[in-house]
Amino acid sequence: MTLQEFIKFNGLTAEGFGKLVGAKQATINRYVNGKRFPSPEMIRKIEAATGGQVAVADWYATAEAAE
């Protein structure tokens, strides 16, 4: 599952999700729009905040598809 799908499915906003992981709304929007790739530490925070629904492998699958 992508971060965008998780946020939408759970009725969250980028700002609300950002508060869960300690990131700004703009940063979350950049992740969602593929304009920035999260650090390994942030990927772990996102995985924990989503209960594993957005896993480490999801980020790399998305990055490979963009190439």
PDB file of N, CA and C in Angstrom:
ATOM      1  N   MET A   1       0.855  -1.174   0.000  1.00  0.00           N
ATOM      2  CA  MET A   1       0.000   0.000   0.000  1.00  0.00           C
ATOM      3  C   MET A   1       0.901   1.237   0.000  1.00  0.00           C
ATOM      4  N   THR A   2       0.512   2.230  -0.759  1.00  0.00           N
ATOM      5  CA  THR A   2       1.293   3.468  -0.760  1.00  0.00           C
ATOM      6  C   THR A   2       0.852   4.361   0.397  1.00  0.00           C
ATOM      7  N   LEU A   3       1.680   5.327   0.701  1.00  0.00           N
ATOM      8  CA  LEU A   3       1.321   6.274   1.758  1.00  0.00           C
ATOM      9  C   LEU A   3       0.073   7.048   1.363  1.00  0.00           C
ATOM     10  N   GLN A   4      -0.019   7.425   0.108  1.00  0.00           N
ATOM     11  CA  GLN A   4      -1.185   8.163  -0.367  1.00  0.00           C
ATOM     12  C   GLN A   4      -2.458   7.339  -0.164  1.00  0.00           C
ATOM     13  N   GLU A   5      -2.407   6.061  -0.501  1.00  0.00           N
ATOM     14  CA  GLU A   5      -3.564   5.183  -0.319  1.00  0.00           C
ATOM     15  C   GLU A   5      -3.933   5.068   1.155  1.00  0.00           C
ATOM     16  N   PHE A   6      -2.924   4.925   2.012  1.00  0.00           N
ATOM     17  CA  PHE A   6      -3.186   4.806   3.440  1.00  0.00           C
ATOM     18  C   PHE A   6      -3.863   6.063   3.980  1.00  0.00           C
ATOM     19  N   ILE A   7      -3.326   7.210   3.621  1.00  0.00           N
ATOM     20  CA  ILE A   7      -3.883   8.481   4.110  1.00  0.00           C
ATOM     21  C   ILE A   7      -5.333   8.634   3.654  1.00  0.00           C
ATOM     22  N   LYS A   8      -5.587   8.377   2.376  1.00  0.00           N
ATOM     23  CA  LYS A   8      -6.936   8.514   1.834  1.00  0.00           C
ATOM     24  C   LYS A   8      -7.894   7.508   2.469  1.00  0.00           C
ATOM     25  N   PHE A   9      -7.488   6.239   2.525  1.00  0.00           N
ATOM     26  CA  PHE A   9      -8.336   5.172   3.061  1.00  0.00           C
ATOM     27  C   PHE A   9      -8.735   5.443   4.510  1.00  0.00           C
ATOM     28  N   ASN A  10      -7.824   6.045   5.268  1.00  0.00           N
ATOM     29  CA  ASN A  10      -8.078   6.285   6.685  1.00  0.00           C
ATOM     30  C   ASN A  10      -8.622   7.679   6.981  1.00  0.00           C
ATOM     31  N   GLY A  11      -8.938   8.432   5.943  1.00  0.00           N
ATOM     32  CA  GLY A  11      -9.545   9.751   6.122  1.00  0.00           C
ATOM     33  C   GLY A  11      -8.635  10.750   6.818  1.00  0.00           C
ATOM     34  N   LEU A  12      -7.339  10.611   6.586  1.00  0.00           N
ATOM     35  CA  LEU A  12      -6.374  11.511   7.206  1.00  0.00           C
ATOM     36  C   LEU A  12      -6.003  12.640   6.255  1.00  0.00           C
ATOM     37  N   THR A  13      -5.298  13.613   6.791  1.00  0.00           N
ATOM     38  CA  THR A  13      -4.701  14.659   5.979  1.00  0.00           C
ATOM     39  C   THR A  13      -3.191  14.501   6.081  1.00  0.00           C
ATOM     40  N   ALA A  14      -2.478  15.163   5.177  1.00  0.00           N
ATOM     41  CA  ALA A  14      -1.018  15.132   5.249  1.00  0.00           C
ATOM     42  C   ALA A  14      -0.558  15.740   6.569  1.00  0.00           C
ATOM     43  N   GLU A  15      -1.240  16.772   7.004  1.00  0.00           N
ATOM     44  CA  GLU A  15      -0.879  17.404   8.281  1.00  0.00           C
ATOM     45  C   GLU A  15      -1.107  16.454   9.449  1.00  0.00           C
ATOM     46  N   GLY A  16      -2.255  15.801   9.456  1.00  0.00           N
ATOM     47  CA  GLY A  16      -2.569  14.867  10.536  1.00  0.00           C
ATOM     48  C   GLY A  16      -1.608  13.694  10.573  1.00  0.00           C
ATOM     49  N   PHE A  17      -1.296  13.140   9.411  1.00  0.00           N
ATOM     50  CA  PHE A  17      -0.354  12.029   9.382  1.00  0.00           C
ATOM     51  C   PHE A  17       1.040  12.496   9.778  1.00  0.00           C
ATOM     52  N   GLY A  18       1.408  13.679   9.340  1.00  0.00           N
ATOM     53  CA  GLY A  18       2.710  14.238   9.694  1.00  0.00           C
ATOM     54  C   GLY A  18       2.906  14.324  11.198  1.00  0.00           C
ATOM     55  N   LYS A  19       1.845  14.677  11.902  1.00  0.00           N
ATOM     56  CA  LYS A  19       1.931  14.756  13.362  1.00  0.00           C
ATOM     57  C   LYS A  19       2.213  13.385  13.968  1.00  0.00           C
ATOM     58  N   LEU A  20       1.707  12.336  13.343  1.00  0.00           N
ATOM     59  CA  LEU A  20       1.937  10.977  13.853  1.00  0.00           C
ATOM     60  C   LEU A  20       3.401  10.553  13.744  1.00  0.00           C
ATOM     61  N   VAL A  21       4.077  11.063  12.718  1.00  0.00           N
ATOM     62  CA  VAL A  21       5.455  10.631  12.474  1.00  0.00           C
ATOM     63  C   VAL A  21       6.488  11.725  12.715  1.00  0.00           C
ATOM     64  N   GLY A  22       6.035  12.895  13.152  1.00  0.00           N
ATOM     65  CA  GLY A  22       6.964  13.984  13.441  1.00  0.00           C
ATOM     66  C   GLY A  22       7.499  14.674  12.201  1.00  0.00           C
ATOM     67  N   ALA A  23       6.636  14.846  11.201  1.00  0.00           N
ATOM     68  CA  ALA A  23       7.043  15.510   9.961  1.00  0.00           C
ATOM     69  C   ALA A  23       6.032  16.608   9.624  1.00  0.00           C
ATOM     70  N   LYS A  24       6.477  17.577   8.857  1.00  0.00           N
ATOM     71  CA  LYS A  24       5.598  18.665   8.429  1.00  0.00           C
ATOM     72  C   LYS A  24       4.689  18.207   7.299  1.00  0.00           C
ATOM     73  N   GLN A  25       3.574  18.906   7.152  1.00  0.00           N
ATOM     74  CA  GLN A  25       2.623  18.613   6.087  1.00  0.00           C
ATOM     75  C   GLN A  25       3.308  18.639   4.729  1.00  0.00           C
ATOM     76  N   ALA A  26       4.138  19.629   4.486  1.00  0.00           N
ATOM     77  CA  ALA A  26       4.813  19.754   3.195  1.00  0.00           C
ATOM     78  C   ALA A  26       5.697  18.542   2.909  1.00  0.00           C
ATOM     79  N   THR A  27       6.347  18.039   3.932  1.00  0.00           N
ATOM     80  CA  THR A  27       7.207  16.867   3.762  1.00  0.00           C
ATOM     81  C   THR A  27       6.375  15.646   3.387  1.00  0.00           C
ATOM     82  N   ILE A  28       5.266  15.446   4.067  1.00  0.00           N
ATOM     83  CA  ILE A  28       4.382  14.312   3.750  1.00  0.00           C
ATOM     84  C   ILE A  28       3.860  14.451   2.330  1.00  0.00           C
ATOM     85  N   ASN A  29       3.478  15.660   1.936  1.00  0.00           N
ATOM     86  CA  ASN A  29       3.002  15.877   0.562  1.00  0.00           C
ATOM     87  C   ASN A  29       4.085  15.535  -0.456  1.00  0.00           C
ATOM     88  N   ARG A  30       5.321  15.873  -0.158  1.00  0.00           N
ATOM     89  CA  ARG A  30       6.426  15.536  -1.067  1.00  0.00           C
ATOM     90  C   ARG A  30       6.601  14.021  -1.183  1.00  0.00           C
ATOM     91  N   TYR A  31       6.468  13.310  -0.070  1.00  0.00           N
ATOM     92  CA  TYR A  31       6.553  11.845  -0.112  1.00  0.00           C
ATOM     93  C   TYR A  31       5.429  11.280  -0.984  1.00  0.00           C
ATOM     94  N   VAL A  32       4.212  11.767  -0.746  1.00  0.00           N
ATOM     95  CA  VAL A  32       3.035  11.273  -1.463  1.00  0.00           C
ATOM     96  C   VAL A  32       3.151  11.537  -2.962  1.00  0.00           C
ATOM     97  N   ASN A  33       3.680  12.702  -3.316  1.00  0.00           N
ATOM     98  CA  ASN A  33       3.777  13.092  -4.726  1.00  0.00           C
ATOM     99  C   ASN A  33       5.057  12.623  -5.408  1.00  0.00           C
ATOM    100  N   GLY A  34       5.881  11.882  -4.685  1.00  0.00           N
ATOM    101  CA  GLY A  34       7.107  11.347  -5.263  1.00  0.00           C
ATOM    102  C   GLY A  34       8.195  12.379  -5.504  1.00  0.00           C
ATOM    103  N   LYS A  35       8.102  13.513  -4.840  1.00  0.00           N
ATOM    104  CA  LYS A  35       9.106  14.562  -5.016  1.00  0.00           C
ATOM    105  C   LYS A  35      10.246  14.454  -4.009  1.00  0.00           C
ATOM    106  N   ARG A  36      10.068  13.574  -3.040  1.00  0.00           N
ATOM    107  CA  ARG A  36      11.097  13.356  -2.024  1.00  0.00           C
ATOM    108  C   ARG A  36      10.990  11.922  -1.549  1.00  0.00           C
ATOM    109  N   PHE A  37      12.143  11.317  -1.307  1.00  0.00           N
ATOM    110  CA  PHE A  37      12.177   9.950  -0.804  1.00  0.00           C
ATOM    111  C   PHE A  37      12.535  10.006   0.681  1.00  0.00           C
ATOM    112  N   PRO A  38      11.754   9.378   1.543  1.00  0.00           N
ATOM    113  CA  PRO A  38      12.022   9.444   2.983  1.00  0.00           C
ATOM    114  C   PRO A  38      13.311   8.731   3.378  1.00  0.00           C
ATOM    115  N   SER A  39      13.888   9.201   4.459  1.00  0.00           N
ATOM    116  CA  SER A  39      15.088   8.564   5.006  1.00  0.00           C
ATOM    117  C   SER A  39      14.702   7.197   5.568  1.00  0.00           C
ATOM    118  N   PRO A  40      15.688   6.327   5.752  1.00  0.00           N
ATOM    119  CA  PRO A  40      15.380   5.017   6.352  1.00  0.00           C
ATOM    120  C   PRO A  40      14.683   5.152   7.717  1.00  0.00           C
ATOM    121  N   GLU A  41      15.102   6.122   8.504  1.00  0.00           N
ATOM    122  CA  GLU A  41      14.459   6.328   9.813  1.00  0.00           C
ATOM    123  C   GLU A  41      12.996   6.720   9.644  1.00  0.00           C
ATOM    124  N   MET A  42      12.706   7.606   8.688  1.00  0.00           N
ATOM    125  CA  MET A  42      11.323   8.026   8.460  1.00  0.00           C
ATOM    126  C   MET A  42      10.495   6.880   7.904  1.00  0.00           C
ATOM    127  N   ILE A  43      11.083   6.062   7.047  1.00  0.00           N
ATOM    128  CA  ILE A  43      10.350   4.904   6.529  1.00  0.00           C
ATOM    129  C   ILE A  43       9.941   3.990   7.684  1.00  0.00           C
ATOM    130  N   ARG A  44      10.827   3.798   8.636  1.00  0.00           N
ATOM    131  CA  ARG A  44      10.499   2.970   9.811  1.00  0.00           C
ATOM    132  C   ARG A  44       9.380   3.611  10.629  1.00  0.00           C
ATOM    133  N   LYS A  45       9.406   4.933  10.787  1.00  0.00           N
ATOM    134  CA  LYS A  45       8.346   5.630  11.530  1.00  0.00           C
ATOM    135  C   LYS A  45       7.005   5.487  10.823  1.00  0.00           C
ATOM    136  N   ILE A  46       7.029   5.620   9.498  1.00  0.00           N
ATOM    137  CA  ILE A  46       5.796   5.493   8.720  1.00  0.00           C
ATOM    138  C   ILE A  46       5.262   4.070   8.824  1.00  0.00           C
ATOM    139  N   GLU A  47       6.142   3.095   8.731  1.00  0.00           N
ATOM    140  CA  GLU A  47       5.707   1.697   8.853  1.00  0.00           C
ATOM    141  C   GLU A  47       5.063   1.460  10.219  1.00  0.00           C
ATOM    142  N   ALA A  48       5.667   1.989  11.273  1.00  0.00           N
ATOM    143  CA  ALA A  48       5.107   1.816  12.620  1.00  0.00           C
ATOM    144  C   ALA A  48       3.764   2.531  12.753  1.00  0.00           C
ATOM    145  N   ALA A  49       3.678   3.751  12.235  1.00  0.00           N
ATOM    146  CA  ALA A  49       2.447   4.539  12.351  1.00  0.00           C
ATOM    147  C   ALA A  49       1.292   3.934  11.556  1.00  0.00           C
ATOM    148  N   THR A  50       1.620   3.195  10.506  1.00  0.00           N
ATOM    149  CA  THR A  50       0.574   2.582   9.672  1.00  0.00           C
ATOM    150  C   THR A  50       0.318   1.128  10.053  1.00  0.00           C
ATOM    151  N   GLY A  51       0.934   0.677  11.109  1.00  0.00           N
ATOM    152  CA  GLY A  51       0.744  -0.706  11.537  1.00  0.00           C
ATOM    153  C   GLY A  51       1.257  -1.699  10.502  1.00  0.00           C
ATOM    154  N   GLY A  52       2.272  -1.272   9.744  1.00  0.00           N
ATOM    155  CA  GLY A  52       2.865  -2.146   8.740  1.00  0.00           C
ATOM    156  C   GLY A  52       2.158  -2.122   7.393  1.00  0.00           C
ATOM    157  N   GLN A  53       1.107  -1.326   7.268  1.00  0.00           N
ATOM    158  CA  GLN A  53       0.377  -1.274   6.000  1.00  0.00           C
ATOM    159  C   GLN A  53       1.175  -0.568   4.906  1.00  0.00           C
ATOM    160  N   VAL A  54       2.035   0.363   5.295  1.00  0.00           N
ATOM    161  CA  VAL A  54       2.983   0.982   4.360  1.00  0.00           C
ATOM    162  C   VAL A  54       4.351   0.517   4.829  1.00  0.00           C
ATOM    163  N   ALA A  55       4.849  -0.524   4.184  1.00  0.00           N
ATOM    164  CA  ALA A  55       6.076  -1.181   4.617  1.00  0.00           C
ATOM    165  C   ALA A  55       7.287  -0.674   3.837  1.00  0.00           C
ATOM    166  N   VAL A  56       8.452  -1.043   4.310  1.00  0.00           N
ATOM    167  CA  VAL A  56       9.710  -0.650   3.674  1.00  0.00           C
ATOM    168  C   VAL A  56       9.689  -1.026   2.190  1.00  0.00           C
ATOM    169  N   ALA A  57       9.288  -2.231   1.871  1.00  0.00           N
ATOM    170  CA  ALA A  57       9.284  -2.705   0.482  1.00  0.00           C
ATOM    171  C   ALA A  57       8.386  -1.859  -0.409  1.00  0.00           C
ATOM    172  N   ASP A  58       7.325  -1.294   0.133  1.00  0.00           N
ATOM    173  CA  ASP A  58       6.417  -0.464  -0.656  1.00  0.00           C
ATOM    174  C   ASP A  58       7.132   0.766  -1.211  1.00  0.00           C
ATOM    175  N   TRP A  59       8.029   1.337  -0.455  1.00  0.00           N
ATOM    176  CA  TRP A  59       8.759   2.523  -0.911  1.00  0.00           C
ATOM    177  C   TRP A  59       9.676   2.181  -2.066  1.00  0.00           C
ATOM    178  N   TYR A  60      10.333   1.057  -1.982  1.00  0.00           N
ATOM    179  CA  TYR A  60      11.269   0.693  -3.030  1.00  0.00           C
ATOM    180  C   TYR A  60      10.570   0.218  -4.286  1.00  0.00           C
ATOM    181  N   ALA A  61       9.422  -0.404  -4.145  1.00  0.00           N
ATOM    182  CA  ALA A  61       8.630  -0.809  -5.313  1.00  0.00           C
ATOM    183  C   ALA A  61       8.156   0.427  -6.059  1.00  0.00           C
ATOM    184  N   THR A  62       7.746   1.450  -5.330  1.00  0.00           N
ATOM    185  CA  THR A  62       7.293   2.708  -5.927  1.00  0.00           C
ATOM    186  C   THR A  62       8.434   3.410  -6.624  1.00  0.00           C
ATOM    187  N   ALA A  63       9.616   3.418  -6.011  1.00  0.00           N
ATOM    188  CA  ALA A  63      10.783   4.079  -6.600  1.00  0.00           C
ATOM    189  C   ALA A  63      11.202   3.381  -7.894  1.00  0.00           C
ATOM    190  N   GLU A  64      11.158   2.063  -7.917  1.00  0.00           N
ATOM    191  CA  GLU A  64      11.535   1.315  -9.112  1.00  0.00           C
ATOM    192  C   GLU A  64      10.544   1.555 -10.245  1.00  0.00           C
ATOM    193  N   ALA A  65       9.271   1.666  -9.921  1.00  0.00           N
ATOM    194  CA  ALA A  65       8.241   1.891 -10.937  1.00  0.00           C
ATOM    195  C   ALA A  65       8.401   3.257 -11.594  1.00  0.00           C
ATOM    196  N   ALA A  66       8.926   4.225 -10.829  1.00  0.00           N
ATOM    197  CA  ALA A  66       9.107   5.580 -11.344  1.00  0.00           C
ATOM    198  C   ALA A  66      10.273   5.690 -12.317  1.00  0.00           C
ATOM    199  N   GLU A  67      11.180   4.724 -12.279  1.00  0.00           N
ATOM    200  CA  GLU A  67      12.378   4.791 -13.134  1.00  0.00           C
ATOM    201  C   GLU A  67      12.071   4.434 -14.565  1.00  0.00           C
TER     202      GLU A  67
END
